[in-house]
Amino acid sequence: MPALKEWAVIVRALLTGEQIIDVRKGGLRETDRHFSLEAPAFWLYPTAEHQQPELIKPAYRRWVAAEIAAAPPDRGIRIGGWAQVVASATITEPDDIAALDSKLIWTQDYAASRLHWKRRDPLWVLALRVHRLDEPIELPFKDAYAGCTSWVDLEGLPDDPASLASEPALTDTSFEARMKLVADALPALTP
């Protein structure tokens, strides 16, 4: 099962249930230079690459430094959970990203800039059911994991994350309520 490489602060927001969506355009080294959904479930790989506090809403900026301080030494990777995609959409309109503002910890300006980067490509919105591992897994960093790409095959993780003890980041009731808010904001979201 692949790992989705994402800012550590966004992974924290997902693992704590603060956010249930991720917004992706893809990195510079994507297969065919475009983002695609490689798997319906994936590990969450937190990274500090490109992460900047000023691109996060003020209430969450302190998380950036906290995540950097808590990272394993020698660029090690701490996998704290995994996600299942429950719905997705691709968007190209500024109104769609504006409708999601209250559901993201990114600033509105940064989210809008992601929409305009690589203009021909749509912005992917992934609604995720996130699970926190009872015991995070620490892996050594390998050069093959470096670079601006979304998907990484991390060595040393089981193929089935459900084989490890974990719990949903949100209760079923809380998740369903949040999903309704996301679906109301973005009707194009489909299972």
N, C-alpha and C. Protein backbone atom coordinates (compact mmCIF):
# COMPACT_ATOMS: atom_id res chain seq x y z
N MET A 1 0.85 -1.17 0.00
CA MET A 1 0.00 0.00 0.00
C MET A 1 0.90 1.24 0.00
N PRO A 2 0.61 2.20 -0.86
CA PRO A 2 1.48 3.38 -0.93
C PRO A 2 1.25 4.31 0.26
N ALA A 3 2.14 5.28 0.37
CA ALA A 3 2.01 6.34 1.36
C ALA A 3 1.82 7.66 0.63
N LEU A 4 0.92 8.48 1.12
CA LEU A 4 0.73 9.82 0.58
C LEU A 4 1.61 10.77 1.37
N LYS A 5 2.52 11.41 0.67
CA LYS A 5 3.45 12.35 1.28
C LYS A 5 2.75 13.70 1.40
N GLU A 6 2.62 14.18 2.62
CA GLU A 6 1.88 15.42 2.88
C GLU A 6 2.56 16.20 3.99
N TRP A 7 2.36 17.51 4.01
CA TRP A 7 2.93 18.33 5.07
C TRP A 7 2.58 17.72 6.42
N ALA A 8 3.54 17.71 7.32
CA ALA A 8 3.33 17.14 8.66
C ALA A 8 2.17 17.82 9.38
N VAL A 9 2.02 19.12 9.21
CA VAL A 9 0.95 19.84 9.87
C VAL A 9 -0.43 19.41 9.33
N ILE A 10 -0.51 19.10 8.06
CA ILE A 10 -1.78 18.61 7.48
C ILE A 10 -2.05 17.19 7.98
N VAL A 11 -1.01 16.35 8.04
CA VAL A 11 -1.20 14.99 8.60
C VAL A 11 -1.70 15.10 10.03
N ARG A 12 -1.15 16.01 10.81
CA ARG A 12 -1.63 16.19 12.19
C ARG A 12 -3.10 16.59 12.19
N ALA A 13 -3.50 17.51 11.33
CA ALA A 13 -4.90 17.93 11.25
C ALA A 13 -5.80 16.75 10.89
N LEU A 14 -5.35 15.88 10.01
CA LEU A 14 -6.12 14.70 9.63
C LEU A 14 -6.21 13.70 10.78
N LEU A 15 -5.08 13.44 11.44
CA LEU A 15 -5.04 12.45 12.52
C LEU A 15 -5.81 12.90 13.76
N THR A 16 -5.93 14.21 13.96
CA THR A 16 -6.68 14.71 15.11
C THR A 16 -8.15 14.95 14.78
N GLY A 17 -8.52 14.78 13.52
CA GLY A 17 -9.91 15.01 13.13
C GLY A 17 -10.24 16.47 12.90
N GLU A 18 -9.24 17.33 12.93
CA GLU A 18 -9.46 18.76 12.68
C GLU A 18 -9.86 19.00 11.22
N GLN A 19 -9.45 18.10 10.36
CA GLN A 19 -9.71 18.21 8.92
C GLN A 19 -10.01 16.80 8.41
N ILE A 20 -10.99 16.68 7.51
CA ILE A 20 -11.27 15.35 6.91
C ILE A 20 -11.02 15.34 5.41
N ILE A 21 -10.57 16.46 4.87
CA ILE A 21 -10.26 16.49 3.44
C ILE A 21 -8.80 16.84 3.24
N ASP A 22 -8.28 16.40 2.13
CA ASP A 22 -6.97 16.82 1.69
C ASP A 22 -7.14 17.33 0.27
N VAL A 23 -6.37 18.34 -0.06
CA VAL A 23 -6.45 18.98 -1.36
C VAL A 23 -5.11 18.79 -2.05
N ARG A 24 -5.14 18.19 -3.23
CA ARG A 24 -3.89 17.79 -3.90
C ARG A 24 -3.84 18.27 -5.34
N LYS A 25 -2.68 18.77 -5.72
CA LYS A 25 -2.42 19.10 -7.12
C LYS A 25 -1.30 18.21 -7.65
N GLY A 26 -0.51 17.70 -6.74
CA GLY A 26 0.60 16.86 -7.14
C GLY A 26 1.91 17.61 -7.10
N GLY A 27 2.98 16.84 -7.06
CA GLY A 27 4.31 17.42 -7.00
C GLY A 27 4.95 17.53 -8.36
N LEU A 28 6.18 17.98 -8.36
CA LEU A 28 6.92 18.15 -9.61
C LEU A 28 7.34 16.83 -10.23
N ARG A 29 7.43 15.77 -9.41
CA ARG A 29 7.91 14.47 -9.90
C ARG A 29 6.78 13.44 -9.98
N GLU A 30 5.57 13.86 -10.27
CA GLU A 30 4.45 12.91 -10.37
C GLU A 30 4.59 12.05 -11.63
N THR A 31 4.02 10.86 -11.58
CA THR A 31 3.95 10.02 -12.76
C THR A 31 3.18 10.80 -13.82
N ASP A 32 3.69 10.87 -15.01
CA ASP A 32 3.08 11.62 -16.11
C ASP A 32 2.88 13.10 -15.77
N ARG A 33 3.54 13.59 -14.70
CA ARG A 33 3.51 15.00 -14.28
C ARG A 33 2.15 15.47 -13.80
N HIS A 34 1.23 14.53 -13.49
CA HIS A 34 -0.11 14.87 -13.02
C HIS A 34 -0.44 14.04 -11.79
N PHE A 35 -1.20 14.60 -10.88
CA PHE A 35 -1.65 13.85 -9.71
C PHE A 35 -2.72 12.85 -10.15
N SER A 36 -2.67 11.67 -9.56
CA SER A 36 -3.74 10.70 -9.73
C SER A 36 -3.89 9.96 -8.41
N LEU A 37 -5.05 9.42 -8.19
CA LEU A 37 -5.31 8.67 -6.96
C LEU A 37 -4.79 7.26 -7.17
N GLU A 38 -3.70 6.91 -6.49
CA GLU A 38 -3.03 5.63 -6.71
C GLU A 38 -3.67 4.46 -5.99
N ALA A 39 -4.42 4.74 -4.92
CA ALA A 39 -5.02 3.66 -4.13
C ALA A 39 -6.19 4.21 -3.33
N PRO A 40 -7.18 3.36 -3.02
CA PRO A 40 -8.32 3.83 -2.23
C PRO A 40 -8.00 3.97 -0.74
N ALA A 41 -6.85 3.42 -0.33
CA ALA A 41 -6.39 3.56 1.06
C ALA A 41 -4.88 3.73 1.01
N PHE A 42 -4.33 4.47 1.97
CA PHE A 42 -2.90 4.74 1.95
C PHE A 42 -2.42 5.16 3.34
N TRP A 43 -1.12 5.01 3.54
CA TRP A 43 -0.46 5.49 4.74
C TRP A 43 -0.32 7.00 4.64
N LEU A 44 -0.27 7.69 5.77
CA LEU A 44 -0.04 9.13 5.81
C LEU A 44 1.42 9.38 6.18
N TYR A 45 2.17 9.91 5.25
CA TYR A 45 3.61 10.15 5.40
C TYR A 45 3.82 11.65 5.65
N PRO A 46 4.10 12.04 6.90
CA PRO A 46 4.31 13.46 7.19
C PRO A 46 5.69 13.93 6.77
N THR A 47 5.75 15.08 6.13
CA THR A 47 7.02 15.64 5.69
C THR A 47 7.06 17.14 5.99
N ALA A 48 8.25 17.65 6.16
CA ALA A 48 8.43 19.09 6.36
C ALA A 48 8.74 19.80 5.05
N GLU A 49 8.91 19.07 3.96
CA GLU A 49 9.21 19.68 2.67
C GLU A 49 8.13 20.68 2.28
N HIS A 50 8.54 21.88 1.93
CA HIS A 50 7.67 22.96 1.45
C HIS A 50 6.74 23.53 2.53
N GLN A 51 6.73 22.98 3.72
CA GLN A 51 5.83 23.41 4.78
C GLN A 51 6.30 24.77 5.32
N GLN A 52 5.37 25.74 5.37
CA GLN A 52 5.70 27.08 5.85
C GLN A 52 4.58 27.59 6.74
N PRO A 53 4.91 28.09 7.93
CA PRO A 53 3.87 28.52 8.87
C PRO A 53 2.92 29.58 8.30
N GLU A 54 3.44 30.50 7.49
CA GLU A 54 2.58 31.58 6.99
C GLU A 54 1.52 31.09 5.99
N LEU A 55 1.62 29.86 5.55
CA LEU A 55 0.63 29.29 4.63
C LEU A 55 -0.48 28.55 5.37
N ILE A 56 -0.38 28.54 6.68
CA ILE A 56 -1.36 27.87 7.55
C ILE A 56 -2.13 28.95 8.31
N LYS A 57 -3.41 28.72 8.57
CA LYS A 57 -4.20 29.69 9.34
C LYS A 57 -3.55 29.93 10.70
N PRO A 58 -3.64 31.16 11.21
CA PRO A 58 -2.94 31.51 12.45
C PRO A 58 -3.17 30.55 13.62
N ALA A 59 -4.35 30.05 13.80
CA ALA A 59 -4.63 29.16 14.93
C ALA A 59 -3.82 27.86 14.90
N TYR A 60 -3.30 27.50 13.74
CA TYR A 60 -2.58 26.23 13.58
C TYR A 60 -1.09 26.41 13.32
N ARG A 61 -0.61 27.61 13.21
CA ARG A 61 0.80 27.84 12.85
C ARG A 61 1.75 27.23 13.86
N ARG A 62 1.39 27.22 15.14
CA ARG A 62 2.28 26.65 16.15
C ARG A 62 2.50 25.16 15.91
N TRP A 63 1.59 24.52 15.21
CA TRP A 63 1.74 23.09 14.92
C TRP A 63 2.94 22.81 14.02
N VAL A 64 3.29 23.75 13.17
CA VAL A 64 4.41 23.54 12.25
C VAL A 64 5.69 23.29 13.05
N ALA A 65 6.00 24.19 13.98
CA ALA A 65 7.21 24.03 14.80
C ALA A 65 7.10 22.78 15.68
N ALA A 66 5.92 22.51 16.20
CA ALA A 66 5.73 21.33 17.05
C ALA A 66 5.98 20.04 16.27
N GLU A 67 5.53 19.99 15.04
CA GLU A 67 5.73 18.79 14.23
C GLU A 67 7.20 18.61 13.85
N ILE A 68 7.87 19.72 13.56
CA ILE A 68 9.30 19.64 13.24
C ILE A 68 10.07 19.17 14.47
N ALA A 69 9.74 19.70 15.65
CA ALA A 69 10.43 19.31 16.89
C ALA A 69 10.18 17.85 17.25
N ALA A 70 9.00 17.34 16.92
CA ALA A 70 8.64 15.96 17.28
C ALA A 70 9.11 14.92 16.26
N ALA A 71 9.62 15.37 15.13
CA ALA A 71 10.05 14.43 14.08
C ALA A 71 11.22 13.58 14.56
N PRO A 72 11.28 12.33 14.12
CA PRO A 72 12.42 11.49 14.47
C PRO A 72 13.73 12.07 13.93
N PRO A 73 14.84 11.73 14.56
CA PRO A 73 16.13 12.25 14.08
C PRO A 73 16.51 11.66 12.72
N ASP A 74 17.49 12.28 12.10
CA ASP A 74 18.05 11.80 10.83
C ASP A 74 16.99 11.66 9.74
N ARG A 75 16.05 12.60 9.72
CA ARG A 75 14.97 12.60 8.71
C ARG A 75 14.11 11.35 8.77
N GLY A 76 14.15 10.65 9.91
CA GLY A 76 13.31 9.46 10.07
C GLY A 76 11.84 9.82 9.87
N ILE A 77 11.04 8.81 9.62
CA ILE A 77 9.62 9.01 9.30
C ILE A 77 8.78 8.33 10.38
N ARG A 78 7.85 9.08 10.94
CA ARG A 78 6.92 8.52 11.93
C ARG A 78 5.54 8.42 11.27
N ILE A 79 5.10 7.20 11.07
CA ILE A 79 3.77 6.96 10.48
C ILE A 79 2.79 6.80 11.63
N GLY A 80 1.87 7.75 11.72
CA GLY A 80 0.90 7.74 12.82
C GLY A 80 -0.47 7.25 12.42
N GLY A 81 -0.66 6.98 11.11
CA GLY A 81 -1.98 6.54 10.71
C GLY A 81 -2.11 6.33 9.21
N TRP A 82 -3.33 6.05 8.83
CA TRP A 82 -3.65 5.76 7.44
C TRP A 82 -5.03 6.30 7.13
N ALA A 83 -5.36 6.34 5.85
CA ALA A 83 -6.63 6.93 5.43
C ALA A 83 -7.28 6.10 4.33
N GLN A 84 -8.59 6.15 4.32
CA GLN A 84 -9.40 5.56 3.25
C GLN A 84 -10.09 6.72 2.54
N VAL A 85 -10.08 6.71 1.23
CA VAL A 85 -10.79 7.72 0.46
C VAL A 85 -12.27 7.32 0.42
N VAL A 86 -13.13 8.19 0.94
CA VAL A 86 -14.57 7.90 0.93
C VAL A 86 -15.30 8.65 -0.17
N ALA A 87 -14.68 9.73 -0.66
CA ALA A 87 -15.26 10.49 -1.77
C ALA A 87 -14.16 11.38 -2.34
N SER A 88 -14.35 11.81 -3.58
CA SER A 88 -13.37 12.71 -4.20
C SER A 88 -14.06 13.58 -5.23
N ALA A 89 -13.36 14.63 -5.59
CA ALA A 89 -13.83 15.52 -6.65
C ALA A 89 -12.60 16.20 -7.24
N THR A 90 -12.72 16.65 -8.45
CA THR A 90 -11.71 17.53 -9.03
C THR A 90 -12.39 18.87 -9.27
N ILE A 91 -11.66 19.93 -8.95
CA ILE A 91 -12.24 21.26 -9.07
C ILE A 91 -11.29 22.16 -9.87
N THR A 92 -11.88 23.14 -10.51
CA THR A 92 -11.10 24.11 -11.29
C THR A 92 -11.54 25.55 -11.02
N GLU A 93 -12.60 25.73 -10.25
CA GLU A 93 -13.17 27.05 -10.04
C GLU A 93 -12.80 27.63 -8.67
N PRO A 94 -12.43 28.91 -8.62
CA PRO A 94 -12.11 29.55 -7.34
C PRO A 94 -13.24 29.48 -6.32
N ASP A 95 -14.50 29.52 -6.78
CA ASP A 95 -15.63 29.44 -5.83
C ASP A 95 -15.65 28.11 -5.09
N ASP A 96 -15.21 27.04 -5.76
CA ASP A 96 -15.19 25.72 -5.10
C ASP A 96 -14.17 25.68 -3.98
N ILE A 97 -12.98 26.22 -4.21
CA ILE A 97 -11.97 26.22 -3.16
C ILE A 97 -12.37 27.18 -2.04
N ALA A 98 -13.02 28.28 -2.38
CA ALA A 98 -13.50 29.22 -1.36
C ALA A 98 -14.55 28.55 -0.47
N ALA A 99 -15.39 27.70 -1.04
CA ALA A 99 -16.43 27.01 -0.27
C ALA A 99 -15.83 26.04 0.75
N LEU A 100 -14.59 25.61 0.52
CA LEU A 100 -13.94 24.66 1.43
C LEU A 100 -13.07 25.34 2.49
N ASP A 101 -13.02 26.67 2.48
CA ASP A 101 -12.11 27.40 3.37
C ASP A 101 -12.23 26.98 4.84
N SER A 102 -13.43 26.85 5.34
CA SER A 102 -13.60 26.51 6.77
C SER A 102 -13.28 25.04 7.06
N LYS A 103 -12.98 24.26 6.03
CA LYS A 103 -12.69 22.84 6.21
C LYS A 103 -11.21 22.51 6.04
N LEU A 104 -10.39 23.55 5.85
CA LEU A 104 -8.95 23.39 5.64
C LEU A 104 -8.19 24.24 6.64
N ILE A 105 -6.98 23.81 7.01
CA ILE A 105 -6.15 24.65 7.87
C ILE A 105 -5.21 25.53 7.05
N TRP A 106 -5.13 25.31 5.74
CA TRP A 106 -4.38 26.23 4.88
C TRP A 106 -5.06 27.58 4.87
N THR A 107 -4.30 28.65 4.63
CA THR A 107 -4.93 29.94 4.43
C THR A 107 -5.71 29.91 3.11
N GLN A 108 -6.70 30.77 3.02
CA GLN A 108 -7.49 30.84 1.79
C GLN A 108 -6.61 31.23 0.61
N ASP A 109 -5.68 32.16 0.83
CA ASP A 109 -4.79 32.58 -0.26
C ASP A 109 -3.93 31.43 -0.76
N TYR A 110 -3.40 30.63 0.17
CA TYR A 110 -2.56 29.52 -0.26
C TYR A 110 -3.39 28.45 -0.99
N ALA A 111 -4.55 28.13 -0.45
CA ALA A 111 -5.42 27.15 -1.12
C ALA A 111 -5.75 27.61 -2.54
N ALA A 112 -6.06 28.90 -2.69
CA ALA A 112 -6.36 29.44 -4.02
C ALA A 112 -5.14 29.36 -4.93
N SER A 113 -3.95 29.57 -4.37
CA SER A 113 -2.74 29.50 -5.19
C SER A 113 -2.51 28.07 -5.70
N ARG A 114 -2.89 27.07 -4.91
CA ARG A 114 -2.77 25.67 -5.34
C ARG A 114 -3.67 25.41 -6.55
N LEU A 115 -4.84 26.04 -6.55
CA LEU A 115 -5.77 25.89 -7.67
C LEU A 115 -5.14 26.43 -8.96
N HIS A 116 -4.39 27.52 -8.86
CA HIS A 116 -3.84 28.18 -10.04
C HIS A 116 -2.50 27.61 -10.50
N TRP A 117 -1.82 26.85 -9.63
CA TRP A 117 -0.55 26.24 -10.02
C TRP A 117 -0.85 25.11 -11.00
N LYS A 118 -0.05 24.96 -12.03
CA LYS A 118 -0.29 23.96 -13.09
C LYS A 118 -1.76 24.09 -13.55
N ARG A 119 -2.06 25.24 -14.07
CA ARG A 119 -3.44 25.64 -14.39
C ARG A 119 -4.26 24.62 -15.17
N ARG A 120 -3.61 23.87 -16.03
CA ARG A 120 -4.37 22.90 -16.85
C ARG A 120 -4.86 21.71 -16.02
N ASP A 121 -4.25 21.48 -14.87
CA ASP A 121 -4.63 20.33 -14.03
C ASP A 121 -5.66 20.75 -12.99
N PRO A 122 -6.65 19.91 -12.75
CA PRO A 122 -7.62 20.24 -11.69
C PRO A 122 -6.99 20.02 -10.31
N LEU A 123 -7.62 20.58 -9.33
CA LEU A 123 -7.25 20.37 -7.94
C LEU A 123 -8.10 19.22 -7.41
N TRP A 124 -7.47 18.23 -6.84
CA TRP A 124 -8.18 17.09 -6.29
C TRP A 124 -8.59 17.37 -4.85
N VAL A 125 -9.81 17.03 -4.51
CA VAL A 125 -10.30 17.09 -3.13
C VAL A 125 -10.59 15.65 -2.72
N LEU A 126 -9.90 15.19 -1.69
CA LEU A 126 -10.09 13.83 -1.19
C LEU A 126 -10.74 13.89 0.18
N ALA A 127 -11.91 13.29 0.32
CA ALA A 127 -12.55 13.16 1.63
C ALA A 127 -12.05 11.85 2.24
N LEU A 128 -11.47 11.94 3.43
CA LEU A 128 -10.74 10.82 4.01
C LEU A 128 -11.31 10.37 5.36
N ARG A 129 -11.44 9.08 5.51
CA ARG A 129 -11.73 8.47 6.82
C ARG A 129 -10.37 8.05 7.36
N VAL A 130 -9.90 8.79 8.35
CA VAL A 130 -8.54 8.62 8.86
C VAL A 130 -8.55 7.76 10.11
N HIS A 131 -7.52 6.92 10.23
CA HIS A 131 -7.35 6.03 11.39
C HIS A 131 -5.98 6.30 12.01
N ARG A 132 -5.97 6.49 13.33
CA ARG A 132 -4.72 6.68 14.08
C ARG A 132 -4.23 5.34 14.59
N LEU A 133 -2.96 5.07 14.37
CA LEU A 133 -2.36 3.85 14.91
C LEU A 133 -2.21 3.98 16.42
N ASP A 134 -2.47 2.90 17.14
CA ASP A 134 -2.24 2.91 18.59
C ASP A 134 -0.77 3.13 18.90
N GLU A 135 0.09 2.54 18.08
CA GLU A 135 1.54 2.68 18.22
C GLU A 135 2.11 3.15 16.88
N PRO A 136 2.55 4.41 16.79
CA PRO A 136 3.14 4.88 15.53
C PRO A 136 4.34 4.02 15.14
N ILE A 137 4.60 3.98 13.86
CA ILE A 137 5.72 3.21 13.32
C ILE A 137 6.80 4.20 12.88
N GLU A 138 8.04 3.96 13.30
CA GLU A 138 9.14 4.80 12.87
C GLU A 138 9.98 4.04 11.85
N LEU A 139 10.27 4.72 10.76
CA LEU A 139 11.05 4.14 9.66
C LEU A 139 12.26 5.03 9.37
N PRO A 140 13.35 4.43 8.94
CA PRO A 140 14.49 5.26 8.53
C PRO A 140 14.20 5.92 7.18
N PHE A 141 14.74 7.11 7.01
CA PHE A 141 14.60 7.81 5.75
C PHE A 141 15.52 7.17 4.72
N LYS A 142 15.06 7.07 3.48
CA LYS A 142 15.88 6.60 2.36
C LYS A 142 15.84 7.65 1.27
N ASP A 143 16.92 7.78 0.54
CA ASP A 143 16.98 8.78 -0.53
C ASP A 143 15.85 8.61 -1.55
N ALA A 144 15.38 7.40 -1.73
CA ALA A 144 14.30 7.14 -2.70
C ALA A 144 13.00 7.83 -2.29
N TYR A 145 12.87 8.23 -1.02
CA TYR A 145 11.65 8.88 -0.54
C TYR A 145 11.68 10.39 -0.76
N ALA A 146 12.82 10.93 -1.14
CA ALA A 146 12.99 12.38 -1.26
C ALA A 146 12.31 12.91 -2.52
N GLY A 147 12.12 14.20 -2.53
CA GLY A 147 11.63 14.86 -3.73
C GLY A 147 10.16 15.22 -3.66
N CYS A 148 9.76 15.99 -4.60
CA CYS A 148 8.42 16.55 -4.65
C CYS A 148 7.49 15.60 -5.42
N THR A 149 6.98 14.63 -4.69
CA THR A 149 6.06 13.65 -5.27
C THR A 149 4.99 13.32 -4.23
N SER A 150 3.85 12.88 -4.68
CA SER A 150 2.76 12.57 -3.75
C SER A 150 2.86 11.17 -3.17
N TRP A 151 3.22 10.21 -4.00
CA TRP A 151 3.15 8.81 -3.59
C TRP A 151 4.54 8.21 -3.40
N VAL A 152 4.69 7.50 -2.30
CA VAL A 152 5.96 6.86 -1.97
C VAL A 152 5.67 5.46 -1.46
N ASP A 153 6.48 4.50 -1.89
CA ASP A 153 6.39 3.14 -1.35
C ASP A 153 7.40 3.05 -0.21
N LEU A 154 6.91 3.06 1.01
CA LEU A 154 7.77 3.00 2.18
C LEU A 154 8.03 1.55 2.55
N GLU A 155 9.29 1.22 2.75
CA GLU A 155 9.67 -0.14 3.14
C GLU A 155 9.42 -0.34 4.63
N GLY A 156 8.93 -1.52 4.99
CA GLY A 156 8.77 -1.85 6.40
C GLY A 156 7.37 -1.68 6.95
N LEU A 157 6.40 -1.35 6.09
CA LEU A 157 5.01 -1.22 6.54
C LEU A 157 4.20 -2.42 6.06
N PRO A 158 3.24 -2.86 6.86
CA PRO A 158 2.40 -3.97 6.40
C PRO A 158 1.53 -3.55 5.21
N ASP A 159 1.16 -4.51 4.40
CA ASP A 159 0.29 -4.23 3.24
C ASP A 159 -1.11 -3.82 3.67
N ASP A 160 -1.56 -4.34 4.81
CA ASP A 160 -2.91 -4.06 5.29
C ASP A 160 -2.84 -3.28 6.60
N PRO A 161 -3.12 -1.97 6.57
CA PRO A 161 -3.03 -1.19 7.80
C PRO A 161 -4.04 -1.64 8.86
N ALA A 162 -5.14 -2.23 8.42
CA ALA A 162 -6.15 -2.69 9.37
C ALA A 162 -5.63 -3.85 10.22
N SER A 163 -4.48 -4.42 9.83
CA SER A 163 -3.89 -5.49 10.63
C SER A 163 -3.24 -4.95 11.90
N LEU A 164 -3.08 -3.63 11.98
CA LEU A 164 -2.50 -3.00 13.16
C LEU A 164 -3.60 -2.37 14.00
N ALA A 165 -3.39 -2.31 15.31
CA ALA A 165 -4.36 -1.67 16.20
C ALA A 165 -4.44 -0.19 15.87
N SER A 166 -5.66 0.27 15.61
CA SER A 166 -5.88 1.68 15.30
C SER A 166 -7.31 2.05 15.65
N GLU A 167 -7.57 3.35 15.66
CA GLU A 167 -8.92 3.83 15.90
C GLU A 167 -9.21 4.99 14.95
N PRO A 168 -10.47 5.17 14.57
CA PRO A 168 -10.80 6.30 13.70
C PRO A 168 -10.48 7.62 14.40
N ALA A 169 -10.05 8.60 13.62
CA ALA A 169 -9.75 9.92 14.17
C ALA A 169 -11.00 10.59 14.72
N LEU A 170 -12.15 10.28 14.14
CA LEU A 170 -13.44 10.81 14.59
C LEU A 170 -14.42 9.67 14.80
N THR A 171 -15.36 9.85 15.70
CA THR A 171 -16.42 8.86 15.86
C THR A 171 -17.24 8.82 14.58
N ASP A 172 -18.00 7.76 14.39
CA ASP A 172 -18.84 7.66 13.19
C ASP A 172 -19.78 8.86 13.08
N THR A 173 -20.40 9.25 14.19
CA THR A 173 -21.35 10.36 14.19
C THR A 173 -20.66 11.66 13.80
N SER A 174 -19.50 11.94 14.40
CA SER A 174 -18.77 13.17 14.08
C SER A 174 -18.31 13.17 12.63
N PHE A 175 -17.83 12.02 12.16
CA PHE A 175 -17.36 11.95 10.78
C PHE A 175 -18.52 12.19 9.81
N GLU A 176 -19.67 11.57 10.05
CA GLU A 176 -20.82 11.75 9.16
C GLU A 176 -21.28 13.20 9.13
N ALA A 177 -21.25 13.87 10.30
CA ALA A 177 -21.64 15.28 10.34
C ALA A 177 -20.66 16.14 9.53
N ARG A 178 -19.36 15.88 9.69
CA ARG A 178 -18.35 16.62 8.93
C ARG A 178 -18.48 16.34 7.44
N MET A 179 -18.74 15.08 7.08
CA MET A 179 -18.90 14.73 5.66
C MET A 179 -20.07 15.47 5.05
N LYS A 180 -21.15 15.60 5.80
CA LYS A 180 -22.31 16.32 5.29
C LYS A 180 -21.95 17.78 4.99
N LEU A 181 -21.19 18.40 5.90
CA LEU A 181 -20.78 19.79 5.68
C LEU A 181 -19.90 19.92 4.44
N VAL A 182 -18.98 18.96 4.25
CA VAL A 182 -18.11 18.99 3.08
C VAL A 182 -18.95 18.78 1.81
N ALA A 183 -19.85 17.81 1.82
CA ALA A 183 -20.67 17.52 0.65
C ALA A 183 -21.59 18.71 0.32
N ASP A 184 -22.11 19.38 1.35
CA ASP A 184 -22.94 20.57 1.10
C ASP A 184 -22.12 21.69 0.48
N ALA A 185 -20.86 21.82 0.90
CA ALA A 185 -19.99 22.87 0.36
C ALA A 185 -19.51 22.55 -1.06
N LEU A 186 -19.38 21.25 -1.34
CA LEU A 186 -18.85 20.83 -2.63
C LEU A 186 -19.71 19.69 -3.20
N PRO A 187 -20.82 20.04 -3.84
CA PRO A 187 -21.73 19.01 -4.36
C PRO A 187 -21.10 18.05 -5.37
N ALA A 188 -19.97 18.44 -5.99
CA ALA A 188 -19.32 17.59 -6.97
C ALA A 188 -18.64 16.37 -6.32
N LEU A 189 -18.53 16.36 -5.00
CA LEU A 189 -17.87 15.26 -4.29
C LEU A 189 -18.68 13.98 -4.47
N THR A 190 -18.02 12.93 -4.95
CA THR A 190 -18.72 11.65 -5.17
C THR A 190 -17.95 10.50 -4.54
N PRO A 191 -18.70 9.49 -4.06
CA PRO A 191 -18.03 8.31 -3.47
C PRO A 191 -17.26 7.53 -4.51
